[in-house]
Every structure is written in C-alpha cells, then in structure tokens.
PDB file of N, CA and C in Angstrom:
ATOM      1  N   UNK A   1      -9.121   6.036  -7.077  1.00  0.00           N
ATOM      2  CA  UNK A   1      -8.535   6.313  -8.105  1.00  0.00           C
ATOM      3  C   UNK A   1      -7.042   7.468  -7.152  1.00  0.00           C
ATOM      4  N   UNK A   2      -6.088   7.473  -7.903  1.00  0.00           N
ATOM      5  CA  UNK A   2      -5.071   8.615  -6.848  1.00  0.00           C
ATOM      6  C   UNK A   2      -4.285   8.790  -7.975  1.00  0.00           C
ATOM      7  N   UNK A   3      -4.546  10.311  -8.350  1.00  0.00           N
ATOM      8  CA  UNK A   3      -2.916  11.093  -9.060  1.00  0.00           C
ATOM      9  C   UNK A   3      -1.992  11.353  -8.134  1.00  0.00           C
ATOM     10  N   UNK A   4      -0.592  11.076  -8.404  1.00  0.00           N
ATOM     11  CA  UNK A   4       0.586  11.246  -7.241  1.00  0.00           C
ATOM     12  C   UNK A   4       1.482  11.684  -8.474  1.00  0.00           C
ATOM     13  N   UNK A   5       1.860  13.399  -8.224  1.00  0.00           N
ATOM     14  CA  UNK A   5       3.223  14.239  -9.340  1.00  0.00           C
ATOM     15  C   UNK A   5       4.398  13.872  -8.101  1.00  0.00           C
ATOM     16  N   UNK A   6       5.001  13.612  -8.720  1.00  0.00           N
ATOM     17  CA  UNK A   6       6.540  14.004  -8.561  1.00  0.00           C
ATOM     18  C   UNK A   6       7.634  14.852  -8.833  1.00  0.00           C
ATOM     19  N   UNK A   7       7.758  15.540  -8.455  1.00  0.00           N
ATOM     20  CA  UNK A   7       8.679  17.782  -8.670  1.00  0.00           C
ATOM     21  C   UNK A   7       9.857  16.552  -9.261  1.00  0.00           C
ATOM     22  N   UNK A   8      11.081  16.449 -10.052  1.00  0.00           N
ATOM     23  CA  UNK A   8      12.394  15.485 -10.176  1.00  0.00           C
ATOM     24  C   UNK A   8      12.852  15.959 -11.017  1.00  0.00           C
ATOM     25  N   UNK A   9      14.428  16.254 -10.590  1.00  0.00           N
ATOM     26  CA  UNK A   9      15.258  17.092 -10.816  1.00  0.00           C
ATOM     27  C   UNK A   9      16.404  16.029 -11.379  1.00  0.00           C
ATOM     28  N   UNK A  10      16.718  16.231 -13.095  1.00  0.00           N
ATOM     29  CA  UNK A  10      17.825  16.012 -13.023  1.00  0.00           C
ATOM     30  C   UNK A  10      17.225  15.320 -14.428  1.00  0.00           C
ATOM     31  N   UNK A  11      16.081  14.831 -14.788  1.00  0.00           N
ATOM     32  CA  UNK A  11      15.679  13.749 -16.278  1.00  0.00           C
ATOM     33  C   UNK A  11      16.523  14.959 -17.470  1.00  0.00           C
ATOM     34  N   UNK A  12      16.799  14.797 -18.186  1.00  0.00           N
ATOM     35  CA  UNK A  12      17.069  15.651 -19.461  1.00  0.00           C
ATOM     36  C   UNK A  12      16.790  14.932 -20.908  1.00  0.00           C
ATOM     37  N   UNK A  13      16.155  14.094 -21.157  1.00  0.00           N
ATOM     38  CA  UNK A  13      15.915  13.855 -21.587  1.00  0.00           C
ATOM     39  C   UNK A  13      14.741  12.391 -21.980  1.00  0.00           C
ATOM     40  N   UNK A  14      14.637  11.781 -23.212  1.00  0.00           N
ATOM     41  CA  UNK A  14      13.456  10.956 -23.267  1.00  0.00           C
ATOM     42  C   UNK A  14      13.810   9.655 -22.817  1.00  0.00           C
ATOM     43  N   UNK A  15      15.275   9.565 -22.769  1.00  0.00           N
ATOM     44  CA  UNK A  15      15.462   8.264 -22.918  1.00  0.00           C
ATOM     45  C   UNK A  15      15.703   7.731 -20.293  1.00  0.00           C
ATOM     46  N   UNK A  16      15.783   9.792 -20.085  1.00  0.00           N
ATOM     47  CA  UNK A  16      15.741   9.693 -18.523  1.00  0.00           C
ATOM     48  C   UNK A  16      14.359   9.380 -17.978  1.00  0.00           C
ATOM     49  N   UNK A  17      13.522   9.605 -19.223  1.00  0.00           N
ATOM     50  CA  UNK A  17      12.091   9.743 -18.578  1.00  0.00           C
ATOM     51  C   UNK A  17      11.476   8.180 -18.742  1.00  0.00           C
ATOM     52  N   UNK A  18      12.307   7.989 -19.820  1.00  0.00           N
ATOM     53  CA  UNK A  18      11.596   6.027 -19.786  1.00  0.00           C
ATOM     54  C   UNK A  18      11.908   5.015 -18.735  1.00  0.00           C
ATOM     55  N   UNK A  19      13.776   5.376 -18.028  1.00  0.00           N
ATOM     56  CA  UNK A  19      14.384   5.392 -17.043  1.00  0.00           C
ATOM     57  C   UNK A  19      13.171   5.433 -15.803  1.00  0.00           C
ATOM     58  N   UNK A  20      12.792   6.668 -15.022  1.00  0.00           N
ATOM     59  CA  UNK A  20      12.187   7.239 -14.270  1.00  0.00           C
ATOM     60  C   UNK A  20      10.595   5.949 -14.237  1.00  0.00           C
ATOM     61  N   UNK A  21      10.206   6.157 -15.446  1.00  0.00           N
ATOM     62  CA  UNK A  21       8.817   5.047 -15.498  1.00  0.00           C
ATOM     63  C   UNK A  21       8.817   4.071 -15.251  1.00  0.00           C
ATOM     64  N   UNK A  22      10.138   3.006 -15.810  1.00  0.00           N
ATOM     65  CA  UNK A  22      10.029   1.937 -15.723  1.00  0.00           C
ATOM     66  C   UNK A  22      11.202   1.508 -14.508  1.00  0.00           C
ATOM     67  N   UNK A  23      11.338   2.291 -13.251  1.00  0.00           N
ATOM     68  CA  UNK A  23      11.235   2.246 -11.866  1.00  0.00           C
ATOM     69  C   UNK A  23      10.400   2.534 -10.963  1.00  0.00           C
ATOM     70  N   UNK A  24       9.954   3.736 -11.635  1.00  0.00           N
ATOM     71  CA  UNK A  24       8.196   3.443 -10.638  1.00  0.00           C
ATOM     72  C   UNK A  24       7.161   2.108 -11.003  1.00  0.00           C
ATOM     73  N   UNK A  25       7.395   1.412 -12.511  1.00  0.00           N
ATOM     74  CA  UNK A  25       6.864   0.404 -12.374  1.00  0.00           C
ATOM     75  C   UNK A  25       7.010  -0.914 -12.036  1.00  0.00           C
ATOM     76  N   UNK A  26       7.942  -1.063 -11.764  1.00  0.00           N
ATOM     77  CA  UNK A  26       8.655  -1.979 -11.098  1.00  0.00           C
ATOM     78  C   UNK A  26       8.106  -1.889  -9.007  1.00  0.00           C
ATOM     79  N   UNK A  27       8.761  -0.738  -8.906  1.00  0.00           N
ATOM     80  CA  UNK A  27       8.013  -0.847  -7.141  1.00  0.00           C
ATOM     81  C   UNK A  27       6.926  -0.566  -7.275  1.00  0.00           C
ATOM     82  N   UNK A  28       5.733  -0.154  -7.625  1.00  0.00           N
ATOM     83  CA  UNK A  28       4.515   0.173  -7.588  1.00  0.00           C
ATOM     84  C   UNK A  28       3.809  -0.677  -8.519  1.00  0.00           C
ATOM     85  N   UNK A  29       2.492  -0.652  -7.855  1.00  0.00           N
ATOM     86  CA  UNK A  29       1.307  -0.760  -8.578  1.00  0.00           C
ATOM     87  C   UNK A  29       0.648  -0.442  -9.549  1.00  0.00           C
ATOM     88  N   UNK A  30       0.719   0.477 -10.319  1.00  0.00           N
ATOM     89  CA  UNK A  30       0.173   2.078 -10.916  1.00  0.00           C
ATOM     90  C   UNK A  30      -0.591   1.285 -12.627  1.00  0.00           C
ATOM     91  N   UNK A  31      -1.338   2.297 -12.746  1.00  0.00           N
ATOM     92  CA  UNK A  31      -2.274   1.999 -13.618  1.00  0.00           C
ATOM     93  C   UNK A  31      -1.665   2.811 -14.859  1.00  0.00           C
ATOM     94  N   UNK A  32      -1.165   3.730 -14.617  1.00  0.00           N
ATOM     95  CA  UNK A  32      -0.432   4.879 -15.548  1.00  0.00           C
ATOM     96  C   UNK A  32       0.704   5.634 -14.627  1.00  0.00           C
ATOM     97  N   UNK A  33       2.165   5.992 -15.582  1.00  0.00           N
ATOM     98  CA  UNK A  33       3.280   6.347 -15.013  1.00  0.00           C
ATOM     99  C   UNK A  33       3.657   7.246 -16.773  1.00  0.00           C
ATOM    100  N   UNK A  34       3.856   8.777 -16.209  1.00  0.00           N
ATOM    101  CA  UNK A  34       4.168   9.258 -17.630  1.00  0.00           C
ATOM    102  C   UNK A  34       5.095  10.553 -16.806  1.00  0.00           C
ATOM    103  N   UNK A  35       6.235  10.080 -17.319  1.00  0.00           N
ATOM    104  CA  UNK A  35       7.293  11.474 -16.841  1.00  0.00           C
ATOM    105  C   UNK A  35       7.947  12.647 -17.882  1.00  0.00           C
ATOM    106  N   UNK A  36       8.131  13.979 -17.400  1.00  0.00           N
ATOM    107  CA  UNK A  36       8.810  14.604 -18.183  1.00  0.00           C
ATOM    108  C   UNK A  36       9.633  15.457 -17.898  1.00  0.00           C
ATOM    109  N   UNK A  37      10.800  15.203 -18.914  1.00  0.00           N
ATOM    110  CA  UNK A  37      11.563  16.244 -18.375  1.00  0.00           C
ATOM    111  C   UNK A  37      11.511  17.434 -18.492  1.00  0.00           C
ATOM    112  N   UNK A  38      10.537  18.068 -19.610  1.00  0.00           N
ATOM    113  CA  UNK A  38      11.211  19.670 -19.027  1.00  0.00           C
ATOM    114  C   UNK A  38      10.660  19.902 -18.759  1.00  0.00           C
ATOM    115  N   UNK A  39       8.678  19.569 -18.032  1.00  0.00           N
ATOM    116  CA  UNK A  39       8.078  19.495 -16.858  1.00  0.00           C
ATOM    117  C   UNK A  39       8.412  20.137 -15.553  1.00  0.00           C
ATOM    118  N   UNK A  40       9.767  18.671 -15.585  1.00  0.00           N
ATOM    119  CA  UNK A  40       9.880  18.340 -14.274  1.00  0.00           C
ATOM    120  C   UNK A  40       9.798  17.630 -13.008  1.00  0.00           C
ATOM    121  N   UNK A  41       9.086  16.166 -14.387  1.00  0.00           N
ATOM    122  CA  UNK A  41       7.631  15.685 -12.780  1.00  0.00           C
ATOM    123  C   UNK A  41       7.326  14.375 -13.758  1.00  0.00           C
ATOM    124  N   UNK A  42       7.268  13.402 -13.010  1.00  0.00           N
ATOM    125  CA  UNK A  42       6.318  12.404 -13.086  1.00  0.00           C
ATOM    126  C   UNK A  42       4.709  12.123 -12.160  1.00  0.00           C
ATOM    127  N   UNK A  43       4.309  11.844 -13.223  1.00  0.00           N
ATOM    128  CA  UNK A  43       2.546  11.714 -12.702  1.00  0.00           C
ATOM    129  C   UNK A  43       2.046  10.343 -12.698  1.00  0.00           C
ATOM    130  N   UNK A  44       1.677  10.024 -11.590  1.00  0.00           N
ATOM    131  CA  UNK A  44       1.426   8.463 -11.533  1.00  0.00           C
ATOM    132  C   UNK A  44       0.099   8.805 -11.311  1.00  0.00           C
ATOM    133  N   UNK A  45      -1.110   7.640 -11.579  1.00  0.00           N
ATOM    134  CA  UNK A  45      -2.302   6.958 -11.273  1.00  0.00           C
ATOM    135  C   UNK A  45      -1.937   5.582 -10.856  1.00  0.00           C
ATOM    136  N   UNK A  46      -2.647   5.153  -9.837  1.00  0.00           N
ATOM    137  CA  UNK A  46      -2.711   4.166  -9.065  1.00  0.00           C
ATOM    138  C   UNK A  46      -4.393   4.026  -8.162  1.00  0.00           C
ATOM    139  N   UNK A  47      -4.473   2.731  -8.422  1.00  0.00           N
ATOM    140  CA  UNK A  47      -5.882   2.694  -7.226  1.00  0.00           C
ATOM    141  C   UNK A  47      -5.877   3.094  -5.710  1.00  0.00           C
ATOM    142  N   UNK A  48      -4.457   3.028  -4.515  1.00  0.00           N
ATOM    143  CA  UNK A  48      -4.035   3.426  -3.829  1.00  0.00           C
ATOM    144  C   UNK A  48      -2.987   4.123  -3.978  1.00  0.00           C
ATOM    145  N   UNK A  49      -2.555   5.551  -2.388  1.00  0.00           N
ATOM    146  CA  UNK A  49      -2.578   6.147  -2.297  1.00  0.00           C
ATOM    147  C   UNK A  49      -0.509   5.411  -2.128  1.00  0.00           C
ATOM    148  N   UNK A  50       0.028   6.263  -3.019  1.00  0.00           N
ATOM    149  CA  UNK A  50       1.546   6.184  -2.789  1.00  0.00           C
ATOM    150  C   UNK A  50       2.679   6.859  -1.798  1.00  0.00           C
ATOM    151  N   UNK A  51       3.621   5.957  -1.567  1.00  0.00           N
ATOM    152  CA  UNK A  51       4.535   6.196  -0.248  1.00  0.00           C
ATOM    153  C   UNK A  51       5.090   7.280  -0.395  1.00  0.00           C
ATOM    154  N   UNK A  52       5.352   8.444  -0.780  1.00  0.00           N
ATOM    155  CA  UNK A  52       6.165   9.550  -0.907  1.00  0.00           C
ATOM    156  C   UNK A  52       7.767   9.223  -0.728  1.00  0.00           C
ATOM    157  N   UNK A  53       8.012   8.948   0.594  1.00  0.00           N
ATOM    158  CA  UNK A  53       8.916   8.463   1.152  1.00  0.00           C
ATOM    159  C   UNK A  53       9.780   7.432   0.511  1.00  0.00           C
ATOM    160  N   UNK A  54       9.016   6.577  -0.330  1.00  0.00           N
ATOM    161  CA  UNK A  54       9.411   5.493  -1.022  1.00  0.00           C
ATOM    162  C   UNK A  54       9.223   5.620  -2.385  1.00  0.00           C
ATOM    163  N   UNK A  55       8.648   6.223  -3.161  1.00  0.00           N
ATOM    164  CA  UNK A  55       8.887   7.352  -4.371  1.00  0.00           C
ATOM    165  C   UNK A  55       9.706   7.571  -4.288  1.00  0.00           C
ATOM    166  N   UNK A  56      10.831   8.388  -3.388  1.00  0.00           N
ATOM    167  CA  UNK A  56      11.484   9.368  -3.651  1.00  0.00           C
ATOM    168  C   UNK A  56      12.369   8.297  -3.644  1.00  0.00           C
ATOM    169  N   UNK A  57      13.383   7.554  -2.733  1.00  0.00           N
ATOM    170  CA  UNK A  57      13.940   6.828  -2.939  1.00  0.00           C
ATOM    171  C   UNK A  57      13.708   5.606  -4.300  1.00  0.00           C
ATOM    172  N   UNK A  58      12.634   5.718  -4.859  1.00  0.00           N
ATOM    173  CA  UNK A  58      12.842   4.840  -5.624  1.00  0.00           C
ATOM    174  C   UNK A  58      13.077   5.731  -7.032  1.00  0.00           C
ATOM    175  N   UNK A  59      12.922   6.719  -6.865  1.00  0.00           N
ATOM    176  CA  UNK A  59      13.668   7.712  -8.206  1.00  0.00           C
ATOM    177  C   UNK A  59      15.001   8.173  -8.116  1.00  0.00           C
ATOM    178  N   UNK A  60      15.667   8.312  -6.859  1.00  0.00           N
ATOM    179  CA  UNK A  60      16.990   9.100  -6.024  1.00  0.00           C
ATOM    180  C   UNK A  60      17.902   7.300  -6.868  1.00  0.00           C
ATOM    181  N   UNK A  61      17.367   6.479  -6.532  1.00  0.00           N
ATOM    182  CA  UNK A  61      17.749   5.027  -6.964  1.00  0.00           C
ATOM    183  C   UNK A  61      17.729   5.196  -7.974  1.00  0.00           C
ATOM    184  N   UNK A  62      17.466   5.310  -9.478  1.00  0.00           N
ATOM    185  CA  UNK A  62      17.444   5.446 -10.611  1.00  0.00           C
ATOM    186  C   UNK A  62      18.348   6.767 -10.880  1.00  0.00           C
ATOM    187  N   UNK A  63      18.236   7.529 -10.219  1.00  0.00           N
ATOM    188  CA  UNK A  63      19.874   8.432 -10.294  1.00  0.00           C
ATOM    189  C   UNK A  63      18.722   9.954 -10.280  1.00  0.00           C
ATOM    190  N   UNK A  64      18.035  10.226 -10.147  1.00  0.00           N
ATOM    191  CA  UNK A  64      17.074  11.708 -10.288  1.00  0.00           C
ATOM    192  C   UNK A  64      17.036  12.403  -8.502  1.00  0.00           C
ATOM    193  N   UNK A  65      16.677  13.327  -8.297  1.00  0.00           N
ATOM    194  CA  UNK A  65      15.753  14.116  -7.034  1.00  0.00           C
ATOM    195  C   UNK A  65      14.900  14.410  -7.127  1.00  0.00           C
ATOM    196  N   UNK A  66      13.977  13.732  -6.021  1.00  0.00           N
ATOM    197  CA  UNK A  66      12.631  14.295  -5.931  1.00  0.00           C
ATOM    198  C   UNK A  66      12.999  15.415  -5.068  1.00  0.00           C
ATOM    199  N   UNK A  67      11.740  16.756  -5.200  1.00  0.00           N
ATOM    200  CA  UNK A  67      11.849  17.636  -4.974  1.00  0.00           C
ATOM    201  C   UNK A  67      10.570  17.828  -4.164  1.00  0.00           C
ATOM    202  N   UNK A  68       9.471  17.474  -4.621  1.00  0.00           N
ATOM    203  CA  UNK A  68       8.453  17.397  -3.513  1.00  0.00           C
ATOM    204  C   UNK A  68       7.058  16.407  -4.434  1.00  0.00           C
ATOM    205  N   UNK A  69       6.135  15.785  -3.722  1.00  0.00           N
ATOM    206  CA  UNK A  69       6.242  14.924  -4.017  1.00  0.00           C
ATOM    207  C   UNK A  69       4.356  15.241  -3.193  1.00  0.00           C
ATOM    208  N   UNK A  70       3.419  15.367  -4.402  1.00  0.00           N
ATOM    209  CA  UNK A  70       1.373  15.486  -4.175  1.00  0.00           C
ATOM    210  C   UNK A  70       0.895  14.868  -4.748  1.00  0.00           C
ATOM    211  N   UNK A  71      -0.185  13.957  -3.983  1.00  0.00           N
ATOM    212  CA  UNK A  71      -1.343  13.303  -4.225  1.00  0.00           C
ATOM    213  C   UNK A  71      -2.439  13.663  -3.824  1.00  0.00           C
ATOM    214  N   UNK A  72      -3.934  13.320  -5.418  1.00  0.00           N
ATOM    215  CA  UNK A  72      -4.595  14.218  -5.329  1.00  0.00           C
ATOM    216  C   UNK A  72      -5.993  13.244  -5.703  1.00  0.00           C
ATOM    217  N   UNK A  73      -7.401  13.306  -5.391  1.00  0.00           N
ATOM    218  CA  UNK A  73      -7.468  12.195  -5.716  1.00  0.00           C
ATOM    219  C   UNK A  73      -7.624  12.268  -7.649  1.00  0.00           C
ATOM    220  N   UNK A  74      -8.115  11.269  -8.552  1.00  0.00           N
ATOM    221  CA  UNK A  74      -7.707  11.093  -9.968  1.00  0.00           C
ATOM    222  C   UNK A  74      -8.832  11.090 -10.479  1.00  0.00           C
ATOM    223  N   UNK A  75      -9.606  12.255 -11.543  1.00  0.00           N
ATOM    224  CA  UNK A  75     -10.943  12.274 -12.361  1.00  0.00           C
ATOM    225  C   UNK A  75     -10.274  11.969 -12.992  1.00  0.00           C
ATOM    226  N   UNK A  76     -10.767  11.165 -14.475  1.00  0.00           N
ATOM    227  CA  UNK A  76     -11.009  10.913 -15.515  1.00  0.00           C
ATOM    228  C   UNK A  76     -11.539  12.276 -16.252  1.00  0.00           C
ATOM    229  N   UNK A  77     -10.516  13.036 -17.683  1.00  0.00           N
ATOM    230  CA  UNK A  77     -11.293  13.705 -18.319  1.00  0.00           C
ATOM    231  C   UNK A  77     -11.549  13.423 -19.117  1.00  0.00           C
ATOM    232  N   UNK A  78     -12.411  14.403 -19.893  1.00  0.00           N
ATOM    233  CA  UNK A  78     -13.667  13.951 -21.004  1.00  0.00           C
ATOM    234  C   UNK A  78     -12.570  13.226 -22.204  1.00  0.00           C
ATOM    235  N   UNK A  79     -11.319  14.531 -22.292  1.00  0.00           N
ATOM    236  CA  UNK A  79     -11.030  14.381 -23.380  1.00  0.00           C
ATOM    237  C   UNK A  79      -8.720  13.894 -23.532  1.00  0.00           C
ATOM    238  N   UNK A  80      -8.851  14.107 -21.667  1.00  0.00           N
ATOM    239  CA  UNK A  80      -7.122  13.914 -21.472  1.00  0.00           C
ATOM    240  C   UNK A  80      -6.794  12.316 -20.886  1.00  0.00           C
ATOM    241  N   UNK A  81      -5.697  12.058 -21.022  1.00  0.00           N
ATOM    242  CA  UNK A  81      -5.333  10.705 -20.452  1.00  0.00           C
ATOM    243  C   UNK A  81      -5.815  10.909 -18.722  1.00  0.00           C
ATOM    244  N   UNK A  82      -4.530  12.111 -17.866  1.00  0.00           N
ATOM    245  CA  UNK A  82      -4.904  12.491 -17.133  1.00  0.00           C
ATOM    246  C   UNK A  82      -6.350  12.861 -16.241  1.00  0.00           C
ATOM    247  N   UNK A  83      -6.932  13.453 -16.808  1.00  0.00           N
ATOM    248  CA  UNK A  83      -8.453  14.685 -16.584  1.00  0.00           C
ATOM    249  C   UNK A  83      -7.512  15.671 -15.668  1.00  0.00           C
ATOM    250  N   UNK A  84      -8.191  16.709 -15.008  1.00  0.00           N
ATOM    251  CA  UNK A  84      -8.468  18.202 -14.248  1.00  0.00           C
ATOM    252  C   UNK A  84      -9.078  18.037 -13.129  1.00  0.00           C
TER     253      UNK A  84
END
C-alpha cells in the first residue's frame, strides 16, 4: 500500500474537497481519498503508486493547482485512518 500526498491550492470549502475527491476516485483505483482545504492537501491510499503527473492533471482539470506530490509506504495506525 502507498500513501500519496498532493499539496493543493485553491480548495476553499467542503464542496471543493468533495469535488477533488470525486475527480481522484474517477481517475485512479484508490482505497481512500481525503482532501482538506484547511491543510491544502489531498491524501490518497492505494495499492500501487500513483503517477504524480497524471494526478496533477486530474486535479487541475477539477479546477485546483497541485504544487507538489510525495509518496511513502502506507502503514495503518492503530487508532487513525491514515496512520503515521
């Protein structure tokens, strides 16, 4: 499992977060996706690594700007959704 974090500019509200999540789900096979306007990021958990360039394009088509994408092995935490 892989956790991908995209830094996203332009999300302002819960509707923006939902719009971004829907775009990511439509383009990729993901286990979970959560966006946060407050943090300015979208966090994706998937079986395989996600292509950062394609992710940037998908989020741009939804109307937001990706300023960076990082990936790391996903480790489910005992108490949290996304672990540490």
